[in-house]
PDB file of all heavy atoms in Angstrom:
ATOM      1  N   ALA A   1      51.451 164.484 100.350  1.00  0.00           N
ATOM      2  CA  ALA A   1      51.600 165.930  99.956  1.00  0.00           C
ATOM      3  C   ALA A   1      51.642 166.773 101.237  1.00  0.00           C
ATOM      4  O   ALA A   1      50.690 167.302 101.702  1.00  0.00           O
ATOM      5  CB  ALA A   1      50.455 166.384  99.017  1.00  0.00           C
ATOM      6  N   GLY A   2      52.872 166.839 101.774  1.00  0.00           N
ATOM      7  CA  GLY A   2      53.054 167.582 103.042  1.00  0.00           C
ATOM      8  C   GLY A   2      53.606 168.948 102.839  1.00  0.00           C
ATOM      9  O   GLY A   2      53.336 169.601 101.807  1.00  0.00           O
ATOM     10  N   CYS A   3      54.313 169.515 103.788  1.00  0.00           N
ATOM     11  CA  CYS A   3      54.831 170.908 103.798  1.00  0.00           C
ATOM     12  C   CYS A   3      56.039 170.913 104.649  1.00  0.00           C
ATOM     13  O   CYS A   3      56.039 170.482 105.773  1.00  0.00           O
ATOM     14  CB  CYS A   3      53.800 171.799 104.257  1.00  0.00           C
ATOM     15  SG  CYS A   3      54.343 173.484 104.425  1.00  0.00           S
ATOM     16  N   SER A   4      57.179 171.514 104.099  1.00  0.00           N
ATOM     17  CA  SER A   4      58.412 171.629 104.916  1.00  0.00           C
ATOM     18  C   SER A   4      58.227 172.470 106.122  1.00  0.00           C
ATOM     19  O   SER A   4      58.793 172.215 107.138  1.00  0.00           O
ATOM     20  CB  SER A   4      59.507 172.162 103.980  1.00  0.00           C
ATOM     21  OG  SER A   4      59.179 173.382 103.459  1.00  0.00           O
ATOM     22  N   LEU A   5      57.368 173.502 105.984  1.00  0.00           N
ATOM     23  CA  LEU A   5      57.088 174.364 107.114  1.00  0.00           C
ATOM     24  C   LEU A   5      56.368 173.612 108.308  1.00  0.00           C
ATOM     25  O   LEU A   5      56.725 173.649 109.441  1.00  0.00           O
ATOM     26  CB  LEU A   5      56.318 175.558 106.718  1.00  0.00           C
ATOM     27  CG  LEU A   5      57.098 176.754 106.177  1.00  0.00           C
ATOM     28  CD1 LEU A   5      56.062 177.728 105.569  1.00  0.00           C
ATOM     29  CD2 LEU A   5      57.889 177.415 107.214  1.00  0.00           C
ATOM     30  N   ALA A   6      55.383 172.887 107.887  1.00  0.00           N
ATOM     31  CA  ALA A   6      54.547 172.129 108.885  1.00  0.00           C
ATOM     32  C   ALA A   6      55.482 170.996 109.480  1.00  0.00           C
ATOM     33  O   ALA A   6      55.411 170.787 110.709  1.00  0.00           O
ATOM     34  CB  ALA A   6      53.350 171.509 108.248  1.00  0.00           C
ATOM     35  N   ASP A   7      56.204 170.364 108.666  1.00  0.00           N
ATOM     36  CA  ASP A   7      57.127 169.302 109.205  1.00  0.00           C
ATOM     37  C   ASP A   7      58.171 169.839 110.140  1.00  0.00           C
ATOM     38  O   ASP A   7      58.647 169.147 111.080  1.00  0.00           O
ATOM     39  CB  ASP A   7      57.814 168.564 108.029  1.00  0.00           C
ATOM     40  CG  ASP A   7      56.885 167.841 107.134  1.00  0.00           C
ATOM     41  OD1 ASP A   7      55.745 167.562 107.600  1.00  0.00           O
ATOM     42  OD2 ASP A   7      57.203 167.416 106.017  1.00  0.00           O
ATOM     43  N   ALA A   8      58.628 171.094 109.904  1.00  0.00           N
ATOM     44  CA  ALA A   8      59.662 171.636 110.765  1.00  0.00           C
ATOM     45  C   ALA A   8      59.164 172.213 112.023  1.00  0.00           C
ATOM     46  O   ALA A   8      59.933 172.750 112.871  1.00  0.00           O
ATOM     47  CB  ALA A   8      60.391 172.752 109.966  1.00  0.00           C
ATOM     48  N   CYS A   9      57.886 172.108 112.310  1.00  0.00           N
ATOM     49  CA  CYS A   9      57.271 172.543 113.565  1.00  0.00           C
ATOM     50  C   CYS A   9      56.445 171.490 114.213  1.00  0.00           C
ATOM     51  O   CYS A   9      55.199 171.640 114.260  1.00  0.00           O
ATOM     52  CB  CYS A   9      56.458 173.887 113.254  1.00  0.00           C
ATOM     53  SG  CYS A   9      55.902 174.694 114.744  1.00  0.00           S
ATOM     54  N   PRO A  10      57.047 170.499 114.833  1.00  0.00           N
ATOM     55  CA  PRO A  10      56.301 169.443 115.468  1.00  0.00           C
ATOM     56  C   PRO A  10      55.493 169.949 116.693  1.00  0.00           C
ATOM     57  O   PRO A  10      55.999 170.848 117.377  1.00  0.00           O
ATOM     58  CB  PRO A  10      57.425 168.392 115.920  1.00  0.00           C
ATOM     59  CG  PRO A  10      58.668 168.859 115.192  1.00  0.00           C
ATOM     60  CD  PRO A  10      58.530 170.254 114.871  1.00  0.00           C
ATOM     61  N   ALA A  11      54.359 169.394 116.901  1.00  0.00           N
ATOM     62  CA  ALA A  11      53.469 169.950 117.987  1.00  0.00           C
ATOM     63  C   ALA A  11      54.109 169.891 119.340  1.00  0.00           C
ATOM     64  O   ALA A  11      53.915 170.784 120.150  1.00  0.00           O
ATOM     65  CB  ALA A  11      52.104 169.191 117.982  1.00  0.00           C
ATOM     66  N   ASP A  12      54.893 168.800 119.643  1.00  0.00           N
ATOM     67  CA  ASP A  12      55.458 168.749 120.974  1.00  0.00           C
ATOM     68  C   ASP A  12      56.525 169.760 121.183  1.00  0.00           C
ATOM     69  O   ASP A  12      56.657 170.386 122.228  1.00  0.00           O
ATOM     70  CB  ASP A  12      55.927 167.312 121.284  1.00  0.00           C
ATOM     71  CG  ASP A  12      56.921 166.774 120.237  1.00  0.00           C
ATOM     72  OD1 ASP A  12      57.101 167.449 119.135  1.00  0.00           O
ATOM     73  OD2 ASP A  12      57.479 165.725 120.388  1.00  0.00           O
ATOM     74  N   ALA A  13      57.385 169.889 120.150  1.00  0.00           N
ATOM     75  CA  ALA A  13      58.447 170.961 120.213  1.00  0.00           C
ATOM     76  C   ALA A  13      57.853 172.320 120.345  1.00  0.00           C
ATOM     77  O   ALA A  13      58.313 173.290 121.006  1.00  0.00           O
ATOM     78  CB  ALA A  13      59.407 170.851 119.034  1.00  0.00           C
ATOM     79  N   PHE A  14      56.753 172.551 119.621  1.00  0.00           N
ATOM     80  CA  PHE A  14      56.103 173.844 119.646  1.00  0.00           C
ATOM     81  C   PHE A  14      55.494 174.106 121.055  1.00  0.00           C
ATOM     82  O   PHE A  14      55.521 175.257 121.497  1.00  0.00           O
ATOM     83  CB  PHE A  14      54.993 173.956 118.566  1.00  0.00           C
ATOM     84  CG  PHE A  14      54.341 175.306 118.392  1.00  0.00           C
ATOM     85  CD1 PHE A  14      55.060 176.331 117.980  1.00  0.00           C
ATOM     86  CD2 PHE A  14      52.990 175.414 118.671  1.00  0.00           C
ATOM     87  CE1 PHE A  14      54.507 177.633 117.850  1.00  0.00           C
ATOM     88  CE2 PHE A  14      52.403 176.724 118.486  1.00  0.00           C
ATOM     89  CZ  PHE A  14      53.146 177.788 118.125  1.00  0.00           C
ATOM     90  N   ALA A  15      54.994 173.061 121.661  1.00  0.00           N
ATOM     91  CA  ALA A  15      54.403 173.189 122.950  1.00  0.00           C
ATOM     92  C   ALA A  15      55.472 173.716 123.967  1.00  0.00           C
ATOM     93  O   ALA A  15      55.281 174.557 124.816  1.00  0.00           O
ATOM     94  CB  ALA A  15      53.819 171.920 123.464  1.00  0.00           C
ATOM     95  N   ASP A  16      56.702 173.117 123.781  1.00  0.00           N
ATOM     96  CA  ASP A  16      57.840 173.494 124.671  1.00  0.00           C
ATOM     97  C   ASP A  16      58.231 174.994 124.408  1.00  0.00           C
ATOM     98  O   ASP A  16      58.495 175.765 125.332  1.00  0.00           O
ATOM     99  CB  ASP A  16      59.034 172.644 124.411  1.00  0.00           C
ATOM    100  CG  ASP A  16      58.865 171.276 124.905  1.00  0.00           C
ATOM    101  OD1 ASP A  16      58.025 171.038 125.764  1.00  0.00           O
ATOM    102  OD2 ASP A  16      59.647 170.321 124.460  1.00  0.00           O
ATOM    103  N   PHE A  17      58.201 175.335 123.152  1.00  0.00           N
ATOM    104  CA  PHE A  17      58.484 176.720 122.731  1.00  0.00           C
ATOM    105  C   PHE A  17      57.443 177.700 123.394  1.00  0.00           C
ATOM    106  O   PHE A  17      57.861 178.765 123.934  1.00  0.00           O
ATOM    107  CB  PHE A  17      58.441 176.829 121.190  1.00  0.00           C
ATOM    108  CG  PHE A  17      58.961 178.136 120.686  1.00  0.00           C
ATOM    109  CD1 PHE A  17      60.232 178.569 120.948  1.00  0.00           C
ATOM    110  CD2 PHE A  17      58.163 178.921 119.841  1.00  0.00           C
ATOM    111  CE1 PHE A  17      60.767 179.719 120.358  1.00  0.00           C
ATOM    112  CE2 PHE A  17      58.639 180.100 119.295  1.00  0.00           C
ATOM    113  CZ  PHE A  17      59.941 180.530 119.552  1.00  0.00           C
ATOM    114  N   ARG A  18      56.200 177.333 123.342  1.00  0.00           N
ATOM    115  CA  ARG A  18      55.172 178.158 123.969  1.00  0.00           C
ATOM    116  C   ARG A  18      55.312 178.326 125.476  1.00  0.00           C
ATOM    117  O   ARG A  18      55.145 179.425 126.016  1.00  0.00           O
ATOM    118  CB  ARG A  18      53.762 177.604 123.666  1.00  0.00           C
ATOM    119  CG  ARG A  18      53.354 177.762 122.219  1.00  0.00           C
ATOM    120  CD  ARG A  18      51.915 177.154 122.041  1.00  0.00           C
ATOM    121  NE  ARG A  18      50.971 177.757 122.851  1.00  0.00           N
ATOM    122  CZ  ARG A  18      50.300 177.201 123.882  1.00  0.00           C
ATOM    123  NH1 ARG A  18      50.607 175.920 124.193  1.00  0.00           N
ATOM    124  NH2 ARG A  18      49.420 177.854 124.581  1.00  0.00           N
ATOM    125  N   ARG A  19      55.756 177.238 126.117  1.00  0.00           N
ATOM    126  CA  ARG A  19      55.927 177.273 127.544  1.00  0.00           C
ATOM    127  C   ARG A  19      57.037 178.188 127.983  1.00  0.00           C
ATOM    128  O   ARG A  19      57.040 178.777 129.106  1.00  0.00           O
ATOM    129  CB  ARG A  19      56.203 175.850 128.079  1.00  0.00           C
ATOM    130  CG  ARG A  19      54.968 174.965 128.261  1.00  0.00           C
ATOM    131  CD  ARG A  19      55.248 173.743 129.028  1.00  0.00           C
ATOM    132  NE  ARG A  19      55.955 172.767 128.240  1.00  0.00           N
ATOM    133  CZ  ARG A  19      55.400 171.785 127.522  1.00  0.00           C
ATOM    134  NH1 ARG A  19      54.070 171.741 127.408  1.00  0.00           N
ATOM    135  NH2 ARG A  19      56.118 170.976 126.841  1.00  0.00           N
ATOM    136  N   ARG A  20      58.034 178.399 127.042  1.00  0.00           N
ATOM    137  CA  ARG A  20      59.045 179.326 127.341  1.00  0.00           C
ATOM    138  C   ARG A  20      58.696 180.810 127.133  1.00  0.00           C
ATOM    139  O   ARG A  20      59.422 181.701 127.465  1.00  0.00           O
ATOM    140  CB  ARG A  20      60.327 179.017 126.517  1.00  0.00           C
ATOM    141  CG  ARG A  20      60.901 177.707 126.813  1.00  0.00           C
ATOM    142  CD  ARG A  20      62.340 177.499 126.252  1.00  0.00           C
ATOM    143  NE  ARG A  20      62.434 177.667 124.777  1.00  0.00           N
ATOM    144  CZ  ARG A  20      62.281 176.671 123.982  1.00  0.00           C
ATOM    145  NH1 ARG A  20      62.012 175.429 124.389  1.00  0.00           N
ATOM    146  NH2 ARG A  20      62.391 176.868 122.621  1.00  0.00           N
ATOM    147  N   HIS A  21      57.471 180.984 126.540  1.00  0.00           N
ATOM    148  CA  HIS A  21      56.990 182.344 126.259  1.00  0.00           C
ATOM    149  C   HIS A  21      55.457 182.460 126.751  1.00  0.00           C
ATOM    150  O   HIS A  21      54.595 182.717 125.954  1.00  0.00           O
ATOM    151  CB  HIS A  21      57.088 182.701 124.751  1.00  0.00           C
ATOM    152  CG  HIS A  21      58.534 182.582 124.295  1.00  0.00           C
ATOM    153  ND1 HIS A  21      59.012 181.408 123.779  1.00  0.00           N
ATOM    154  CD2 HIS A  21      59.504 183.487 124.177  1.00  0.00           C
ATOM    155  CE1 HIS A  21      60.301 181.523 123.407  1.00  0.00           C
ATOM    156  NE2 HIS A  21      60.545 182.819 123.621  1.00  0.00           N
ATOM    157  N   PRO A  22      55.280 182.240 128.013  1.00  0.00           N
ATOM    158  CA  PRO A  22      53.870 182.036 128.459  1.00  0.00           C
ATOM    159  C   PRO A  22      52.981 183.295 128.345  1.00  0.00           C
ATOM    160  O   PRO A  22      51.756 183.215 128.272  1.00  0.00           O
ATOM    161  CB  PRO A  22      54.100 181.681 129.914  1.00  0.00           C
ATOM    162  CG  PRO A  22      55.317 182.264 130.341  1.00  0.00           C
ATOM    163  CD  PRO A  22      56.200 182.141 129.118  1.00  0.00           C
ATOM    164  N   ASP A  23      53.615 184.477 128.240  1.00  0.00           N
ATOM    165  CA  ASP A  23      52.857 185.762 128.185  1.00  0.00           C
ATOM    166  C   ASP A  23      52.544 186.191 126.731  1.00  0.00           C
ATOM    167  O   ASP A  23      51.916 187.218 126.528  1.00  0.00           O
ATOM    168  CB  ASP A  23      53.542 186.866 128.962  1.00  0.00           C
ATOM    169  CG  ASP A  23      55.018 187.061 128.356  1.00  0.00           C
ATOM    170  OD1 ASP A  23      55.512 186.168 127.782  1.00  0.00           O
ATOM    171  OD2 ASP A  23      55.497 188.209 128.648  1.00  0.00           O
ATOM    172  N   HIS A  24      53.049 185.386 125.737  1.00  0.00           N
ATOM    173  CA  HIS A  24      52.884 185.818 124.421  1.00  0.00           C
ATOM    174  C   HIS A  24      51.572 185.401 123.753  1.00  0.00           C
ATOM    175  O   HIS A  24      51.078 184.363 124.108  1.00  0.00           O
ATOM    176  CB  HIS A  24      54.027 185.175 123.554  1.00  0.00           C
ATOM    177  CG  HIS A  24      55.426 185.756 123.729  1.00  0.00           C
ATOM    178  ND1 HIS A  24      55.904 185.990 124.992  1.00  0.00           N
ATOM    179  CD2 HIS A  24      56.281 186.275 122.812  1.00  0.00           C
ATOM    180  CE1 HIS A  24      57.106 186.527 124.838  1.00  0.00           C
ATOM    181  NE2 HIS A  24      57.389 186.720 123.550  1.00  0.00           N
ATOM    182  N   VAL A  25      51.112 186.241 122.845  1.00  0.00           N
ATOM    183  CA  VAL A  25      49.986 185.835 121.964  1.00  0.00           C
ATOM    184  C   VAL A  25      50.637 185.029 120.890  1.00  0.00           C
ATOM    185  O   VAL A  25      51.591 185.427 120.245  1.00  0.00           O
ATOM    186  CB  VAL A  25      49.331 187.122 121.232  1.00  0.00           C
ATOM    187  CG1 VAL A  25      48.255 186.639 120.340  1.00  0.00           C
ATOM    188  CG2 VAL A  25      48.782 188.027 122.346  1.00  0.00           C
ATOM    189  N   VAL A  26      49.978 183.882 120.592  1.00  0.00           N
ATOM    190  CA  VAL A  26      50.576 182.890 119.626  1.00  0.00           C
ATOM    191  C   VAL A  26      49.886 183.061 118.309  1.00  0.00           C
ATOM    192  O   VAL A  26      48.663 182.746 118.169  1.00  0.00           O
ATOM    193  CB  VAL A  26      50.403 181.426 120.193  1.00  0.00           C
ATOM    194  CG1 VAL A  26      51.050 180.502 119.152  1.00  0.00           C
ATOM    195  CG2 VAL A  26      51.141 181.276 121.462  1.00  0.00           C
ATOM    196  N   VAL A  27      50.582 183.545 117.359  1.00  0.00           N
ATOM    197  CA  VAL A  27      50.090 183.690 115.935  1.00  0.00           C
ATOM    198  C   VAL A  27      50.835 182.677 115.058  1.00  0.00           C
ATOM    199  O   VAL A  27      52.053 182.714 114.968  1.00  0.00           O
ATOM    200  CB  VAL A  27      50.406 185.123 115.434  1.00  0.00           C
ATOM    201  CG1 VAL A  27      49.846 185.202 114.018  1.00  0.00           C
ATOM    202  CG2 VAL A  27      49.720 186.174 116.305  1.00  0.00           C
ATOM    203  N   SER A  28      50.062 181.785 114.555  1.00  0.00           N
ATOM    204  CA  SER A  28      50.690 180.712 113.632  1.00  0.00           C
ATOM    205  C   SER A  28      50.202 180.903 112.207  1.00  0.00           C
ATOM    206  O   SER A  28      48.996 181.120 111.949  1.00  0.00           O
ATOM    207  CB  SER A  28      50.222 179.350 114.175  1.00  0.00           C
ATOM    208  OG  SER A  28      50.803 179.051 115.420  1.00  0.00           O
ATOM    209  N   TYR A  29      51.195 180.862 111.336  1.00  0.00           N
ATOM    210  CA  TYR A  29      50.923 180.830 109.947  1.00  0.00           C
ATOM    211  C   TYR A  29      50.143 179.617 109.594  1.00  0.00           C
ATOM    212  O   TYR A  29      50.435 178.548 110.183  1.00  0.00           O
ATOM    213  CB  TYR A  29      52.284 180.847 109.211  1.00  0.00           C
ATOM    214  CG  TYR A  29      52.318 181.017 107.715  1.00  0.00           C
ATOM    215  CD1 TYR A  29      51.335 181.733 107.057  1.00  0.00           C
ATOM    216  CD2 TYR A  29      53.429 180.567 107.008  1.00  0.00           C
ATOM    217  CE1 TYR A  29      51.446 181.908 105.674  1.00  0.00           C
ATOM    218  CE2 TYR A  29      53.483 180.712 105.679  1.00  0.00           C
ATOM    219  CZ  TYR A  29      52.496 181.392 104.953  1.00  0.00           C
ATOM    220  OH  TYR A  29      52.572 181.532 103.632  1.00  0.00           O
ATOM    221  N   ILE A  30      49.248 179.653 108.668  1.00  0.00           N
ATOM    222  CA  ILE A  30      48.322 178.538 108.327  1.00  0.00           C
ATOM    223  C   ILE A  30      49.161 177.324 107.852  1.00  0.00           C
ATOM    224  O   ILE A  30      48.636 176.222 107.963  1.00  0.00           O
ATOM    225  CB  ILE A  30      47.269 178.997 107.330  1.00  0.00           C
ATOM    226  CG1 ILE A  30      46.120 178.094 107.327  1.00  0.00           C
ATOM    227  CG2 ILE A  30      47.918 179.184 105.881  1.00  0.00           C
ATOM    228  CD1 ILE A  30      44.907 178.598 106.583  1.00  0.00           C
ATOM    229  N   ASN A  31      50.367 177.502 107.484  1.00  0.00           N
ATOM    230  CA  ASN A  31      51.224 176.416 107.012  1.00  0.00           C
ATOM    231  C   ASN A  31      51.736 175.651 108.205  1.00  0.00           C
ATOM    232  O   ASN A  31      52.958 175.597 108.440  1.00  0.00           O
ATOM    233  CB  ASN A  31      52.422 176.936 106.177  1.00  0.00           C
ATOM    234  CG  ASN A  31      51.961 177.618 104.909  1.00  0.00           C
ATOM    235  OD1 ASN A  31      50.996 178.340 104.821  1.00  0.00           O
ATOM    236  ND2 ASN A  31      52.726 177.402 103.789  1.00  0.00           N
ATOM    237  N   CYS A  32      50.901 175.071 108.965  1.00  0.00           N
ATOM    238  CA  CYS A  32      51.265 174.251 110.138  1.00  0.00           C
ATOM    239  C   CYS A  32      50.193 173.156 110.354  1.00  0.00           C
ATOM    240  O   CYS A  32      49.080 173.222 109.749  1.00  0.00           O
ATOM    241  CB  CYS A  32      51.443 175.144 111.327  1.00  0.00           C
ATOM    242  SG  CYS A  32      49.906 175.915 111.905  1.00  0.00           S
ATOM    243  N   SER A  33      50.491 172.223 111.145  1.00  0.00           N
ATOM    244  CA  SER A  33      49.604 171.121 111.395  1.00  0.00           C
ATOM    245  C   SER A  33      48.381 171.572 112.204  1.00  0.00           C
ATOM    246  O   SER A  33      48.476 172.580 112.900  1.00  0.00           O
ATOM    247  CB  SER A  33      50.336 169.988 112.025  1.00  0.00           C
ATOM    248  OG  SER A  33      50.654 170.353 113.427  1.00  0.00           O
ATOM    249  N   ALA A  34      47.336 170.653 112.207  1.00  0.00           N
ATOM    250  CA  ALA A  34      46.166 170.965 113.065  1.00  0.00           C
ATOM    251  C   ALA A  34      46.532 170.960 114.553  1.00  0.00           C
ATOM    252  O   ALA A  34      46.030 171.800 115.285  1.00  0.00           O
ATOM    253  CB  ALA A  34      45.119 169.895 112.802  1.00  0.00           C
ATOM    254  N   ALA A  35      47.529 170.151 114.894  1.00  0.00           N
ATOM    255  CA  ALA A  35      47.990 170.082 116.358  1.00  0.00           C
ATOM    256  C   ALA A  35      48.653 171.403 116.773  1.00  0.00           C
ATOM    257  O   ALA A  35      48.532 171.810 117.911  1.00  0.00           O
ATOM    258  CB  ALA A  35      48.862 168.848 116.548  1.00  0.00           C
ATOM    259  N   VAL A  36      49.349 171.976 115.837  1.00  0.00           N
ATOM    260  CA  VAL A  36      49.950 173.375 116.194  1.00  0.00           C
ATOM    261  C   VAL A  36      48.857 174.389 116.159  1.00  0.00           C
ATOM    262  O   VAL A  36      48.857 175.283 116.986  1.00  0.00           O
ATOM    263  CB  VAL A  36      51.070 173.688 115.151  1.00  0.00           C
ATOM    264  CG1 VAL A  36      51.510 175.097 115.319  1.00  0.00           C
ATOM    265  CG2 VAL A  36      52.301 172.783 115.428  1.00  0.00           C
ATOM    266  N   LYS A  37      47.948 174.389 115.182  1.00  0.00           N
ATOM    267  CA  LYS A  37      46.862 175.331 115.141  1.00  0.00           C
ATOM    268  C   LYS A  37      46.036 175.291 116.501  1.00  0.00           C
ATOM    269  O   LYS A  37      45.592 176.319 117.029  1.00  0.00           O
ATOM    270  CB  LYS A  37      45.932 175.042 113.988  1.00  0.00           C
ATOM    271  CG  LYS A  37      46.460 175.395 112.608  1.00  0.00           C
ATOM    272  CD  LYS A  37      45.438 175.093 111.533  1.00  0.00           C
ATOM    273  CE  LYS A  37      45.897 175.487 110.130  1.00  0.00           C
ATOM    274  NZ  LYS A  37      47.006 174.673 109.612  1.00  0.00           N
ATOM    275  N   ALA A  38      45.938 174.092 116.965  1.00  0.00           N
ATOM    276  CA  ALA A  38      45.150 173.900 118.247  1.00  0.00           C
ATOM    277  C   ALA A  38      45.818 174.569 119.429  1.00  0.00           C
ATOM    278  O   ALA A  38      45.204 174.797 120.433  1.00  0.00           O
ATOM    279  CB  ALA A  38      44.961 172.424 118.549  1.00  0.00           C
ATOM    280  N   GLN A  39      47.098 174.869 119.401  1.00  0.00           N
ATOM    281  CA  GLN A  39      47.854 175.554 120.413  1.00  0.00           C
ATOM    282  C   GLN A  39      47.987 177.013 120.187  1.00  0.00           C
ATOM    283  O   GLN A  39      48.617 177.683 120.949  1.00  0.00           O
ATOM    284  CB  GLN A  39      49.244 174.914 120.510  1.00  0.00           C
ATOM    285  CG  GLN A  39      49.305 173.417 120.823  1.00  0.00           C
ATOM    286  CD  GLN A  39      50.783 172.978 120.856  1.00  0.00           C
ATOM    287  OE1 GLN A  39      51.639 173.551 121.514  1.00  0.00           O
ATOM    288  NE2 GLN A  39      51.034 171.913 120.108  1.00  0.00           N
ATOM    289  N   SER A  40      47.318 177.534 119.151  1.00  0.00           N
ATOM    290  CA  SER A  40      47.484 178.921 118.729  1.00  0.00           C
ATOM    291  C   SER A  40      46.364 179.764 119.183  1.00  0.00           C
ATOM    292  O   SER A  40      45.225 179.316 119.373  1.00  0.00           O
ATOM    293  CB  SER A  40      47.677 178.991 117.229  1.00  0.00           C
ATOM    294  OG  SER A  40      48.751 178.117 116.844  1.00  0.00           O
ATOM    295  N   ASP A  41      46.631 181.062 119.325  1.00  0.00           N
ATOM    296  CA  ASP A  41      45.539 182.030 119.592  1.00  0.00           C
ATOM    297  C   ASP A  41      44.976 182.640 118.298  1.00  0.00           C
ATOM    298  O   ASP A  41      43.763 182.981 118.316  1.00  0.00           O
ATOM    299  CB  ASP A  41      46.077 183.251 120.430  1.00  0.00           C
ATOM    300  CG  ASP A  41      46.689 182.812 121.763  1.00  0.00           C
ATOM    301  OD1 ASP A  41      45.956 182.146 122.519  1.00  0.00           O
ATOM    302  OD2 ASP A  41      47.831 183.015 122.039  1.00  0.00           O
ATOM    303  N   LEU A  42      45.716 182.672 117.245  1.00  0.00           N
ATOM    304  CA  LEU A  42      45.274 183.189 116.020  1.00  0.00           C
ATOM    305  C   LEU A  42      46.059 182.584 114.845  1.00  0.00           C
ATOM    306  O   LEU A  42      47.249 182.405 114.924  1.00  0.00           O
ATOM    307  CB  LEU A  42      45.585 184.761 115.998  1.00  0.00           C
ATOM    308  CG  LEU A  42      45.135 185.531 114.798  1.00  0.00           C
ATOM    309  CD1 LEU A  42      43.636 185.565 114.561  1.00  0.00           C
ATOM    310  CD2 LEU A  42      45.622 187.019 114.966  1.00  0.00           C
ATOM    311  N   ILE A  43      45.375 182.265 113.788  1.00  0.00           N
ATOM    312  CA  ILE A  43      45.967 181.756 112.616  1.00  0.00           C
ATOM    313  C   ILE A  43      45.992 182.940 111.566  1.00  0.00           C
ATOM    314  O   ILE A  43      45.168 183.779 111.535  1.00  0.00           O
ATOM    315  CB  ILE A  43      45.186 180.598 111.972  1.00  0.00           C
ATOM    316  CG1 ILE A  43      45.084 179.443 113.007  1.00  0.00           C
ATOM    317  CG2 ILE A  43      45.753 180.143 110.663  1.00  0.00           C
ATOM    318  CD1 ILE A  43      46.454 178.933 113.456  1.00  0.00           C
ATOM    319  N   CYS A  44      47.047 182.955 110.688  1.00  0.00           N
ATOM    320  CA  CYS A  44      47.127 183.929 109.657  1.00  0.00           C
ATOM    321  C   CYS A  44      47.620 183.357 108.423  1.00  0.00           C
ATOM    322  O   CYS A  44      48.070 182.171 108.321  1.00  0.00           O
ATOM    323  CB  CYS A  44      48.174 185.087 110.125  1.00  0.00           C
ATOM    324  SG  CYS A  44      49.896 184.519 110.084  1.00  0.00           S
ATOM    325  N   THR A  45      47.520 184.083 107.349  1.00  0.00           N
ATOM    326  CA  THR A  45      48.065 183.751 106.041  1.00  0.00           C
ATOM    327  C   THR A  45      48.988 184.841 105.609  1.00  0.00           C
ATOM    328  O   THR A  45      49.018 185.926 106.300  1.00  0.00           O
ATOM    329  CB  THR A  45      47.018 183.458 104.972  1.00  0.00           C
ATOM    330  OG1 THR A  45      46.416 184.769 104.632  1.00  0.00           O
ATOM    331  CG2 THR A  45      45.855 182.628 105.486  1.00  0.00           C
TER     332      THR A  45
END
């Protein structure tokens, strides 16, 4: 029982995305994997 949103945001690709925006605050919707949450500054719903 997965989630299309979580599947569409792999942790390694998200890490690359973050590196291209190093000065940004990272807000991740709760519909993501633990590995993406671990790279975030704030989770939201």
